[in-house]
Amino acid sequence: MGTKTADETGAETAGTTTDDEKAAVVGATGEVTEEAPHSGEGAGGPAAADELAAGNEAAVTDGSAGVGQGAGAVVSAVLGFVSLTGSWIGTLAGARQTLVGQLQTSASSGTTVAKQLEAIYGDAWQATALWAGLFALAALVTGVVVLARPAFGSPARPQAAWIKSVSWAGVVLGVVGLLLAVLKYTDALLGLPSGG
């Protein structure tokens, strides 16, 4: 196949290129552009296009497979953090128990100070500890599920390092939160003061 190319002076020269070669064409601005290879046997043909499409499909599948695991890892870490810092529902449950305790102690006039403390504050602290423990348990279970997921999936697809790290953070926060919740619920940590 014959093509014409222009040299730097603008004079056109005739040249011959084959299908496997690329011809450089010097434009009026002096830029060199490459001619696209022909879609014949030299470019791989339909087989190469099929392989490329299969590779792109595999890349999309691999990318979407890690999304659920990544989301689970983040949820685990957030639940573990919430179990340590407190949640809105835990605060609400504690305030509700405080109100119930106040109503119970005001209804009975002969209650001791220790019973008043237990009814007003002890039950509220235990309700808060219970909710913190539930969040910690959810963080622990979610983190373990994310870490164990590759064992039940395709062994050829390794789990991303950041997913493992965030999942382990969720598991550790869940264990610490669960331990603190149990210690608070049983009054082993920050128990009620004695009523005298």
Protein backbone atom coordinates (compact mmCIF):
# COMPACT_ATOMS: atom_id res chain seq x y z
CA MET A 1 0.00 0.00 0.00
CA GLY A 2 1.52 3.37 -0.98
CA THR A 3 1.32 6.45 1.21
CA LYS A 4 2.65 9.94 0.94
CA THR A 5 4.49 11.59 3.79
CA ALA A 6 5.73 15.13 4.08
CA ASP A 7 9.23 15.93 5.23
CA GLU A 8 10.15 19.01 7.24
CA THR A 9 10.37 21.23 4.15
CA GLY A 10 6.85 20.35 3.11
CA ALA A 11 7.86 18.30 0.09
CA GLU A 12 5.86 15.15 -0.33
CA THR A 13 7.70 11.87 -0.73
CA ALA A 14 6.22 8.57 -1.75
CA GLY A 15 6.80 5.55 0.44
CA THR A 16 5.54 2.05 0.74
CA THR A 17 4.35 0.53 4.07
CA THR A 18 3.07 -2.89 4.90
CA ASP A 19 0.09 -3.76 7.09
CA ASP A 20 2.37 -4.56 10.04
CA GLU A 21 4.20 -1.22 9.96
CA LYS A 22 3.04 2.14 11.23
CA ALA A 23 3.62 5.22 9.07
CA ALA A 24 4.53 8.50 10.68
CA VAL A 25 2.92 11.50 9.07
CA VAL A 26 4.42 14.90 9.64
CA GLY A 27 1.69 17.49 9.72
CA ALA A 28 1.87 21.14 8.82
CA THR A 29 2.60 22.01 12.46
CA GLY A 30 5.52 19.64 12.63
CA GLU A 31 3.75 17.17 14.96
CA VAL A 32 4.30 13.49 14.38
CA THR A 33 1.19 11.34 14.51
CA GLU A 34 0.99 7.61 14.18
CA GLU A 35 -1.36 5.90 11.86
CA ALA A 36 -3.60 3.35 13.59
CA PRO A 37 -2.74 -0.25 12.74
CA HIS A 38 -5.10 -2.06 10.45
CA SER A 39 -7.61 -4.42 12.05
CA GLY A 40 -6.30 -7.41 10.17
CA GLU A 41 -4.25 -10.34 11.31
CA GLY A 42 -1.37 -8.07 12.37
CA ALA A 43 -3.50 -6.39 15.07
CA GLY A 44 -4.71 -9.66 16.54
CA GLY A 45 -8.08 -9.70 14.86
CA PRO A 46 -11.30 -10.74 16.58
CA ALA A 47 -9.51 -13.10 19.01
CA ALA A 48 -7.60 -10.22 20.58
CA ALA A 49 -10.80 -8.19 20.91
CA ASP A 50 -12.51 -11.10 22.67
CA GLU A 51 -9.59 -11.49 25.08
CA LEU A 52 -9.63 -7.76 25.83
CA ALA A 53 -13.38 -7.82 26.51
CA ALA A 54 -12.98 -10.85 28.79
CA GLY A 55 -10.18 -9.10 30.67
CA ASN A 56 -12.27 -5.97 31.17
CA GLU A 57 -15.22 -8.05 32.39
CA ALA A 58 -12.97 -9.88 34.88
CA ALA A 59 -11.61 -6.56 36.15
CA VAL A 60 -15.13 -5.25 36.72
CA THR A 61 -16.10 -8.46 38.52
CA ASP A 62 -13.00 -8.36 40.73
CA GLY A 63 -13.60 -4.72 41.60
CA SER A 64 -17.23 -5.25 42.56
CA ALA A 65 -16.43 -8.35 44.63
CA GLY A 66 -14.36 -6.32 47.09
CA VAL A 67 -16.98 -3.62 47.55
CA GLY A 68 -19.15 -5.66 49.93
CA GLN A 69 -16.17 -6.80 51.95
CA GLY A 70 -14.84 -3.25 52.16
CA ALA A 71 -18.21 -1.95 53.30
CA GLY A 72 -18.45 -4.70 55.91
CA ALA A 73 -14.98 -3.83 57.22
CA VAL A 74 -15.88 -0.15 57.58
CA VAL A 75 -19.19 -1.00 59.28
CA SER A 76 -17.37 -3.27 61.72
CA ALA A 77 -14.87 -0.55 62.67
CA VAL A 78 -17.61 2.08 63.06
CA LEU A 79 -19.74 -0.22 65.24
CA GLY A 80 -16.72 -0.94 67.41
CA PHE A 81 -16.03 2.78 67.77
CA VAL A 82 -19.67 3.46 68.65
CA SER A 83 -19.58 0.74 71.31
CA LEU A 84 -16.73 2.57 73.05
CA THR A 85 -17.98 6.14 72.70
CA GLY A 86 -21.70 5.55 73.19
CA SER A 87 -24.67 5.65 70.89
CA TRP A 88 -27.82 7.69 70.70
CA ILE A 89 -29.97 4.67 71.46
CA GLY A 90 -27.82 3.77 74.48
CA THR A 91 -28.12 7.31 75.84
CA LEU A 92 -31.86 7.26 75.26
CA ALA A 93 -32.22 3.90 77.04
CA GLY A 94 -30.18 5.20 79.99
CA ALA A 95 -32.28 8.37 80.25
CA ARG A 96 -35.46 6.29 80.11
CA GLN A 97 -34.28 4.06 82.95
CA THR A 98 -33.38 7.15 84.99
CA LEU A 99 -36.90 8.47 84.53
CA VAL A 100 -38.42 5.10 85.46
CA GLY A 101 -36.22 4.99 88.59
CA GLN A 102 -37.27 8.51 89.60
CA LEU A 103 -40.92 7.59 89.20
CA GLN A 104 -40.49 4.44 91.28
CA THR A 105 -38.64 6.19 94.11
CA SER A 106 -41.07 9.10 94.25
CA ALA A 107 -44.02 6.70 94.43
CA SER A 108 -42.64 4.88 97.48
CA SER A 109 -41.58 7.19 100.30
CA GLY A 110 -39.85 4.58 102.46
CA THR A 111 -36.97 3.70 100.10
CA THR A 112 -33.37 3.84 101.29
CA VAL A 113 -30.63 5.86 99.63
CA ALA A 114 -29.01 2.69 98.25
CA LYS A 115 -32.28 1.63 96.61
CA GLN A 116 -32.75 5.11 95.18
CA LEU A 117 -29.24 5.06 93.71
CA GLU A 118 -29.84 1.63 92.21
CA ALA A 119 -33.24 2.59 90.78
CA ILE A 120 -32.21 5.96 89.39
CA TYR A 121 -28.60 5.44 88.30
CA GLY A 122 -27.71 1.76 88.45
CA ASP A 123 -30.41 0.56 86.06
CA ALA A 124 -29.67 3.44 83.67
CA TRP A 125 -25.95 2.61 83.59
CA GLN A 126 -26.73 -1.03 82.99
CA ALA A 127 -29.05 -0.15 80.10
CA THR A 128 -26.30 1.99 78.55
CA ALA A 129 -23.78 -0.83 79.05
CA LEU A 130 -26.18 -3.32 77.48
CA TRP A 131 -26.55 -1.26 74.31
CA ALA A 132 -22.79 -0.67 74.15
CA GLY A 133 -22.30 -4.43 74.43
CA LEU A 134 -24.75 -5.07 71.61
CA PHE A 135 -22.89 -2.65 69.32
CA ALA A 136 -19.58 -4.26 70.31
CA LEU A 137 -20.94 -7.73 69.57
CA ALA A 138 -22.23 -6.56 66.18
CA ALA A 139 -18.79 -5.08 65.40
CA LEU A 140 -17.07 -8.31 66.41
CA VAL A 141 -19.36 -10.55 64.35
CA THR A 142 -19.20 -8.28 61.28
CA GLY A 143 -15.40 -8.09 61.42
CA VAL A 144 -15.03 -11.87 61.77
CA VAL A 145 -17.43 -12.48 58.86
CA VAL A 146 -15.46 -10.12 56.61
CA LEU A 147 -12.15 -11.75 57.58
CA ALA A 148 -13.55 -15.24 57.02
CA ARG A 149 -15.25 -14.40 53.71
CA PRO A 150 -12.29 -15.26 51.42
CA ALA A 151 -12.26 -18.82 52.78
CA PHE A 152 -15.73 -19.35 51.30
CA GLY A 153 -15.12 -17.49 48.05
CA SER A 154 -12.62 -17.84 45.24
CA PRO A 155 -9.15 -18.61 46.63
CA ALA A 156 -7.59 -17.08 43.51
CA ARG A 157 -8.86 -13.63 44.55
CA PRO A 158 -6.90 -12.37 47.58
CA GLN A 159 -8.53 -9.91 49.95
CA ALA A 160 -7.20 -6.36 49.81
CA ALA A 161 -4.82 -5.41 52.61
CA TRP A 162 -6.88 -2.38 53.68
CA ILE A 163 -9.98 -4.56 54.06
CA LYS A 164 -8.08 -6.91 56.38
CA SER A 165 -6.68 -3.99 58.39
CA VAL A 166 -10.04 -2.26 58.86
CA SER A 167 -11.72 -5.60 59.70
CA TRP A 168 -9.10 -6.36 62.33
CA ALA A 169 -9.62 -2.87 63.77
CA GLY A 170 -13.35 -3.60 64.00
CA VAL A 171 -12.70 -6.95 65.69
CA VAL A 172 -10.32 -5.42 68.24
CA LEU A 173 -12.68 -2.52 68.98
CA GLY A 174 -15.54 -5.00 69.30
CA VAL A 175 -13.62 -7.15 71.81
CA VAL A 176 -12.57 -4.13 73.88
CA GLY A 177 -16.09 -2.68 73.78
CA LEU A 178 -17.64 -6.01 74.75
CA LEU A 179 -15.22 -6.43 77.65
CA LEU A 180 -15.91 -2.91 78.95
CA ALA A 181 -19.67 -3.39 78.59
CA VAL A 182 -19.60 -6.62 80.59
CA LEU A 183 -17.44 -5.03 83.29
CA LYS A 184 -19.80 -2.06 83.54
CA TYR A 185 -22.95 -4.17 83.47
CA THR A 186 -21.68 -6.32 86.36
CA ASP A 187 -20.51 -3.20 88.28
CA ALA A 188 -16.91 -4.50 88.26
CA LEU A 189 -15.89 -1.24 86.58
CA LEU A 190 -17.20 2.10 87.84
CA GLY A 191 -19.77 0.55 90.14
CA LEU A 192 -22.37 2.56 92.04
CA PRO A 193 -21.19 4.38 95.15
CA SER A 194 -22.44 3.02 98.41
CA GLY A 195 -25.59 4.66 99.72
CA GLY A 196 -24.29 4.82 103.31
